[in-house]
Amino acid sequence: MTTGGYIEQARWLLEGSYHEMKEAVLRAGIARLREVEISVGRVERSLRGLRRDMGLRMQTLSQLIG
C-alpha cells in the first residue's frame, strides 16, 4: 500500500470513529433526556398530589371555621 493509501485509510478510520462517537454521544444525550423527562413527570405528580392535599385541608379548615 502506498503512503497515500495509508493516509486515506487512516482518514476513513478517523471519520468512522468520529461518526460512531457522535452517534454514541447523541444516544447518551437522548437517554439522559428520557431520565430527566421521567423525573419531571414524578415531580409534576407529586405537586398535583400536594395541591390536592392542601385543597382538602383548606376545605376541612373552612368547614371547621364556618
PDB file of N, CA and C in Angstrom:
ATOM      1  N   MET A   1       0.862  -1.181   0.000  1.00  0.00           N
ATOM      2  CA  MET A   1       0.000   0.000   0.000  1.00  0.00           C
ATOM      3  C   MET A   1       0.900   1.233   0.000  1.00  0.00           C
ATOM      4  N   THR A   2       0.485   2.228  -0.750  1.00  0.00           N
ATOM      5  CA  THR A   2       1.266   3.462  -0.832  1.00  0.00           C
ATOM      6  C   THR A   2       0.998   4.334   0.383  1.00  0.00           C
ATOM      7  N   THR A   3       1.841   5.332   0.547  1.00  0.00           N
ATOM      8  CA  THR A   3       1.660   6.277   1.652  1.00  0.00           C
ATOM      9  C   THR A   3       0.290   6.939   1.542  1.00  0.00           C
ATOM     10  N   GLY A   4      -0.092   7.308   0.335  1.00  0.00           N
ATOM     11  CA  GLY A   4      -1.417   7.919   0.133  1.00  0.00           C
ATOM     12  C   GLY A   4      -2.529   6.978   0.539  1.00  0.00           C
ATOM     13  N   GLY A   5      -2.334   5.688   0.271  1.00  0.00           N
ATOM     14  CA  GLY A   5      -3.330   4.685   0.661  1.00  0.00           C
ATOM     15  C   GLY A   5      -3.456   4.591   2.169  1.00  0.00           C
ATOM     16  N   TYR A   6      -2.306   4.621   2.857  1.00  0.00           N
ATOM     17  CA  TYR A   6      -2.338   4.594   4.326  1.00  0.00           C
ATOM     18  C   TYR A   6      -3.023   5.845   4.888  1.00  0.00           C
ATOM     19  N   ILE A   7      -2.706   6.968   4.304  1.00  0.00           N
ATOM     20  CA  ILE A   7      -3.323   8.220   4.759  1.00  0.00           C
ATOM     21  C   ILE A   7      -4.826   8.163   4.532  1.00  0.00           C
ATOM     22  N   GLU A   8      -5.248   7.675   3.370  1.00  0.00           N
ATOM     23  CA  GLU A   8      -6.673   7.567   3.063  1.00  0.00           C
ATOM     24  C   GLU A   8      -7.361   6.595   4.020  1.00  0.00           C
ATOM     25  N   GLN A   9      -6.706   5.478   4.296  1.00  0.00           N
ATOM     26  CA  GLN A   9      -7.278   4.505   5.229  1.00  0.00           C
ATOM     27  C   GLN A   9      -7.385   5.102   6.634  1.00  0.00           C
ATOM     28  N   ALA A  10      -6.345   5.805   7.065  1.00  0.00           N
ATOM     29  CA  ALA A  10      -6.369   6.447   8.383  1.00  0.00           C
ATOM     30  C   ALA A  10      -7.481   7.484   8.452  1.00  0.00           C
ATOM     31  N   ARG A  11      -7.641   8.247   7.386  1.00  0.00           N
ATOM     32  CA  ARG A  11      -8.707   9.254   7.340  1.00  0.00           C
ATOM     33  C   ARG A  11     -10.077   8.579   7.443  1.00  0.00           C
ATOM     34  N   TRP A  12     -10.247   7.489   6.707  1.00  0.00           N
ATOM     35  CA  TRP A  12     -11.518   6.772   6.733  1.00  0.00           C
ATOM     36  C   TRP A  12     -11.806   6.230   8.134  1.00  0.00           C
ATOM     37  N   LEU A  13     -10.783   5.669   8.794  1.00  0.00           N
ATOM     38  CA  LEU A  13     -10.950   5.155  10.156  1.00  0.00           C
ATOM     39  C   LEU A  13     -11.303   6.267  11.135  1.00  0.00           C
ATOM     40  N   LEU A  14     -10.634   7.412  11.006  1.00  0.00           N
ATOM     41  CA  LEU A  14     -10.918   8.536  11.893  1.00  0.00           C
ATOM     42  C   LEU A  14     -12.332   9.056  11.696  1.00  0.00           C
ATOM     43  N   GLU A  15     -12.752   9.191  10.436  1.00  0.00           N
ATOM     44  CA  GLU A  15     -14.105   9.666  10.168  1.00  0.00           C
ATOM     45  C   GLU A  15     -15.135   8.684  10.705  1.00  0.00           C
ATOM     46  N   GLY A  16     -14.870   7.385  10.512  1.00  0.00           N
ATOM     47  CA  GLY A  16     -15.778   6.373  11.044  1.00  0.00           C
ATOM     48  C   GLY A  16     -15.858   6.453  12.550  1.00  0.00           C
ATOM     49  N   SER A  17     -14.712   6.595  13.194  1.00  0.00           N
ATOM     50  CA  SER A  17     -14.683   6.704  14.651  1.00  0.00           C
ATOM     51  C   SER A  17     -15.421   7.955  15.115  1.00  0.00           C
ATOM     52  N   TYR A  18     -15.226   9.051  14.373  1.00  0.00           N
ATOM     53  CA  TYR A  18     -15.902  10.296  14.733  1.00  0.00           C
ATOM     54  C   TYR A  18     -17.408  10.127  14.659  1.00  0.00           C
ATOM     55  N   HIS A  19     -17.886   9.512  13.581  1.00  0.00           N
ATOM     56  CA  HIS A  19     -19.333   9.329  13.434  1.00  0.00           C
ATOM     57  C   HIS A  19     -19.885   8.378  14.491  1.00  0.00           C
ATOM     58  N   GLU A  20     -19.132   7.322  14.804  1.00  0.00           N
ATOM     59  CA  GLU A  20     -19.562   6.408  15.858  1.00  0.00           C
ATOM     60  C   GLU A  20     -19.594   7.110  17.204  1.00  0.00           C
ATOM     61  N   MET A  21     -18.573   7.932  17.456  1.00  0.00           N
ATOM     62  CA  MET A  21     -18.523   8.670  18.712  1.00  0.00           C
ATOM     63  C   MET A  21     -19.686   9.656  18.790  1.00  0.00           C
ATOM     64  N   LYS A  22     -19.936  10.357  17.691  1.00  0.00           N
ATOM     65  CA  LYS A  22     -21.035  11.326  17.666  1.00  0.00           C
ATOM     66  C   LYS A  22     -22.370  10.610  17.907  1.00  0.00           C
ATOM     67  N   GLU A  23     -22.543   9.462  17.287  1.00  0.00           N
ATOM     68  CA  GLU A  23     -23.771   8.690  17.472  1.00  0.00           C
ATOM     69  C   GLU A  23     -23.910   8.231  18.923  1.00  0.00           C
ATOM     70  N   ALA A  24     -22.815   7.787  19.519  1.00  0.00           N
ATOM     71  CA  ALA A  24     -22.846   7.352  20.917  1.00  0.00           C
ATOM     72  C   ALA A  24     -23.192   8.512  21.842  1.00  0.00           C
ATOM     73  N   VAL A  25     -22.624   9.677  21.570  1.00  0.00           N
ATOM     74  CA  VAL A  25     -22.916  10.859  22.385  1.00  0.00           C
ATOM     75  C   VAL A  25     -24.384  11.238  22.248  1.00  0.00           C
ATOM     76  N   LEU A  26     -24.899  11.196  21.028  1.00  0.00           N
ATOM     77  CA  LEU A  26     -26.318  11.514  20.814  1.00  0.00           C
ATOM     78  C   LEU A  26     -27.220  10.516  21.525  1.00  0.00           C
ATOM     79  N   ARG A  27     -26.874   9.242  21.447  1.00  0.00           N
ATOM     80  CA  ARG A  27     -27.677   8.225  22.154  1.00  0.00           C
ATOM     81  C   ARG A  27     -27.664   8.461  23.658  1.00  0.00           C
ATOM     82  N   ALA A  28     -26.487   8.772  24.196  1.00  0.00           N
ATOM     83  CA  ALA A  28     -26.381   9.036  25.637  1.00  0.00           C
ATOM     84  C   ALA A  28     -27.190  10.274  26.008  1.00  0.00           C
ATOM     85  N   GLY A  29     -27.149  11.299  25.159  1.00  0.00           N
ATOM     86  CA  GLY A  29     -27.927  12.518  25.421  1.00  0.00           C
ATOM     87  C   GLY A  29     -29.406  12.244  25.420  1.00  0.00           C
ATOM     88  N   ILE A  30     -29.866  11.445  24.462  1.00  0.00           N
ATOM     89  CA  ILE A  30     -31.290  11.100  24.392  1.00  0.00           C
ATOM     90  C   ILE A  30     -31.705  10.295  25.624  1.00  0.00           C
ATOM     91  N   ALA A  31     -30.858   9.352  26.039  1.00  0.00           N
ATOM     92  CA  ALA A  31     -31.161   8.561  27.232  1.00  0.00           C
ATOM     93  C   ALA A  31     -31.265   9.463  28.459  1.00  0.00           C
ATOM     94  N   ARG A  32     -30.360  10.425  28.560  1.00  0.00           N
ATOM     95  CA  ARG A  32     -30.396  11.350  29.708  1.00  0.00           C
ATOM     96  C   ARG A  32     -31.657  12.216  29.678  1.00  0.00           C
ATOM     97  N   LEU A  33     -32.044  12.672  28.481  1.00  0.00           N
ATOM     98  CA  LEU A  33     -33.274  13.457  28.365  1.00  0.00           C
ATOM     99  C   LEU A  33     -34.489  12.643  28.804  1.00  0.00           C
ATOM    100  N   ARG A  34     -34.503  11.363  28.475  1.00  0.00           N
ATOM    101  CA  ARG A  34     -35.611  10.499  28.918  1.00  0.00           C
ATOM    102  C   ARG A  34     -35.637  10.391  30.437  1.00  0.00           C
ATOM    103  N   GLU A  35     -34.446  10.249  31.040  1.00  0.00           N
ATOM    104  CA  GLU A  35     -34.380  10.192  32.504  1.00  0.00           C
ATOM    105  C   GLU A  35     -34.911  11.481  33.123  1.00  0.00           C
ATOM    106  N   VAL A  36     -34.527  12.609  32.555  1.00  0.00           N
ATOM    107  CA  VAL A  36     -34.996  13.903  33.062  1.00  0.00           C
ATOM    108  C   VAL A  36     -36.505  14.016  32.882  1.00  0.00           C
ATOM    109  N   GLU A  37     -37.008  13.570  31.737  1.00  0.00           N
ATOM    110  CA  GLU A  37     -38.443  13.616  31.481  1.00  0.00           C
ATOM    111  C   GLU A  37     -39.208  12.786  32.511  1.00  0.00           C
ATOM    112  N   ILE A  38     -38.674  11.612  32.847  1.00  0.00           N
ATOM    113  CA  ILE A  38     -39.302  10.764  33.860  1.00  0.00           C
ATOM    114  C   ILE A  38     -39.281  11.463  35.218  1.00  0.00           C
ATOM    115  N   SER A  39     -38.150  12.087  35.560  1.00  0.00           N
ATOM    116  CA  SER A  39     -38.043  12.806  36.842  1.00  0.00           C
ATOM    117  C   SER A  39     -39.025  13.971  36.903  1.00  0.00           C
ATOM    118  N   VAL A  40     -39.142  14.711  35.815  1.00  0.00           N
ATOM    119  CA  VAL A  40     -40.076  15.838  35.772  1.00  0.00           C
ATOM    120  C   VAL A  40     -41.506  15.331  35.946  1.00  0.00           C
ATOM    121  N   GLY A  41     -41.821  14.209  35.313  1.00  0.00           N
ATOM    122  CA  GLY A  41     -43.155  13.622  35.467  1.00  0.00           C
ATOM    123  C   GLY A  41     -43.442  13.264  36.913  1.00  0.00           C
ATOM    124  N   ARG A  42     -42.442  12.719  37.605  1.00  0.00           N
ATOM    125  CA  ARG A  42     -42.620  12.375  39.018  1.00  0.00           C
ATOM    126  C   ARG A  42     -42.849  13.620  39.858  1.00  0.00           C
ATOM    127  N   VAL A  43     -42.102  14.669  39.588  1.00  0.00           N
ATOM    128  CA  VAL A  43     -42.262  15.923  40.332  1.00  0.00           C
ATOM    129  C   VAL A  43     -43.650  16.502  40.075  1.00  0.00           C
ATOM    130  N   GLU A  44     -44.090  16.484  38.814  1.00  0.00           N
ATOM    131  CA  GLU A  44     -45.424  17.000  38.494  1.00  0.00           C
ATOM    132  C   GLU A  44     -46.509  16.228  39.244  1.00  0.00           C
ATOM    133  N   ARG A  45     -46.382  14.897  39.281  1.00  0.00           N
ATOM    134  CA  ARG A  45     -47.374  14.087  40.006  1.00  0.00           C
ATOM    135  C   ARG A  45     -47.350  14.411  41.500  1.00  0.00           C
ATOM    136  N   SER A  46     -46.158  14.579  42.051  1.00  0.00           N
ATOM    137  CA  SER A  46     -46.040  14.924  43.468  1.00  0.00           C
ATOM    138  C   SER A  46     -46.695  16.269  43.759  1.00  0.00           C
ATOM    139  N   LEU A  47     -46.453  17.241  42.882  1.00  0.00           N
ATOM    140  CA  LEU A  47     -47.043  18.562  43.084  1.00  0.00           C
ATOM    141  C   LEU A  47     -48.566  18.514  42.992  1.00  0.00           C
ATOM    142  N   ARG A  48     -49.078  17.730  42.044  1.00  0.00           N
ATOM    143  CA  ARG A  48     -50.540  17.596  41.944  1.00  0.00           C
ATOM    144  C   ARG A  48     -51.099  16.990  43.226  1.00  0.00           C
ATOM    145  N   GLY A  49     -50.401  15.978  43.754  1.00  0.00           N
ATOM    146  CA  GLY A  49     -50.837  15.359  44.996  1.00  0.00           C
ATOM    147  C   GLY A  49     -50.802  16.336  46.158  1.00  0.00           C
ATOM    148  N   LEU A  50     -49.743  17.128  46.248  1.00  0.00           N
ATOM    149  CA  LEU A  50     -49.649  18.129  47.320  1.00  0.00           C
ATOM    150  C   LEU A  50     -50.746  19.185  47.192  1.00  0.00           C
ATOM    151  N   ARG A  51     -50.989  19.619  45.966  1.00  0.00           N
ATOM    152  CA  ARG A  51     -52.026  20.630  45.740  1.00  0.00           C
ATOM    153  C   ARG A  51     -53.393  20.076  46.146  1.00  0.00           C
ATOM    154  N   ARG A  52     -53.647  18.812  45.799  1.00  0.00           N
ATOM    155  CA  ARG A  52     -54.913  18.169  46.166  1.00  0.00           C
ATOM    156  C   ARG A  52     -55.019  18.064  47.684  1.00  0.00           C
ATOM    157  N   ASP A  53     -53.938  17.639  48.352  1.00  0.00           N
ATOM    158  CA  ASP A  53     -53.945  17.527  49.811  1.00  0.00           C
ATOM    159  C   ASP A  53     -54.190  18.885  50.475  1.00  0.00           C
ATOM    160  N   MET A  54     -53.527  19.915  49.956  1.00  0.00           N
ATOM    161  CA  MET A  54     -53.719  21.257  50.534  1.00  0.00           C
ATOM    162  C   MET A  54     -55.156  21.735  50.322  1.00  0.00           C
ATOM    163  N   GLY A  55     -55.711  21.437  49.169  1.00  0.00           N
ATOM    164  CA  GLY A  55     -57.098  21.814  48.906  1.00  0.00           C
ATOM    165  C   GLY A  55     -58.047  21.140  49.881  1.00  0.00           C
ATOM    166  N   LEU A  56     -57.818  19.865  50.149  1.00  0.00           N
ATOM    167  CA  LEU A  56     -58.669  19.142  51.097  1.00  0.00           C
ATOM    168  C   LEU A  56     -58.502  19.701  52.502  1.00  0.00           C
ATOM    169  N   ARG A  57     -57.282  20.035  52.880  1.00  0.00           N
ATOM    170  CA  ARG A  57     -57.038  20.608  54.214  1.00  0.00           C
ATOM    171  C   ARG A  57     -57.711  21.969  54.355  1.00  0.00           C
ATOM    172  N   MET A  58     -57.649  22.774  53.285  1.00  0.00           N
ATOM    173  CA  MET A  58     -58.298  24.087  53.340  1.00  0.00           C
ATOM    174  C   MET A  58     -59.813  23.922  53.429  1.00  0.00           C
ATOM    175  N   GLN A  59     -60.362  22.944  52.712  1.00  0.00           N
ATOM    176  CA  GLN A  59     -61.804  22.676  52.796  1.00  0.00           C
ATOM    177  C   GLN A  59     -62.188  22.278  54.216  1.00  0.00           C
ATOM    178  N   THR A  60     -61.414  21.376  54.810  1.00  0.00           N
ATOM    179  CA  THR A  60     -61.694  20.922  56.171  1.00  0.00           C
ATOM    180  C   THR A  60     -61.605  22.091  57.150  1.00  0.00           C
ATOM    181  N   LEU A  61     -60.577  22.925  56.973  1.00  0.00           N
ATOM    182  CA  LEU A  61     -60.399  24.079  57.846  1.00  0.00           C
ATOM    183  C   LEU A  61     -61.576  25.046  57.715  1.00  0.00           C
ATOM    184  N   SER A  62     -61.999  25.312  56.490  1.00  0.00           N
ATOM    185  CA  SER A  62     -63.124  26.244  56.306  1.00  0.00           C
ATOM    186  C   SER A  62     -64.411  25.652  56.862  1.00  0.00           C
ATOM    187  N   GLN A  63     -64.571  24.340  56.806  1.00  0.00           N
ATOM    188  CA  GLN A  63     -65.760  23.713  57.387  1.00  0.00           C
ATOM    189  C   GLN A  63     -65.726  23.808  58.905  1.00  0.00           C
ATOM    190  N   LEU A  64     -64.544  23.682  59.502  1.00  0.00           N
ATOM    191  CA  LEU A  64     -64.434  23.790  60.954  1.00  0.00           C
ATOM    192  C   LEU A  64     -64.718  25.220  61.416  1.00  0.00           C
ATOM    193  N   ILE A  65     -64.237  26.178  60.622  1.00  0.00           N
ATOM    194  CA  ILE A  65     -64.437  27.581  60.981  1.00  0.00           C
ATOM    195  C   ILE A  65     -65.879  27.995  60.698  1.00  0.00           C
ATOM    196  N   GLY A  66     -66.383  27.568  59.534  1.00  0.00           N
ATOM    197  CA  GLY A  66     -67.686  28.003  59.049  1.00  0.00           C
ATOM    198  C   GLY A  66     -68.795  27.413  59.825  1.00  0.00           C
TER     199      GLY A  66
END
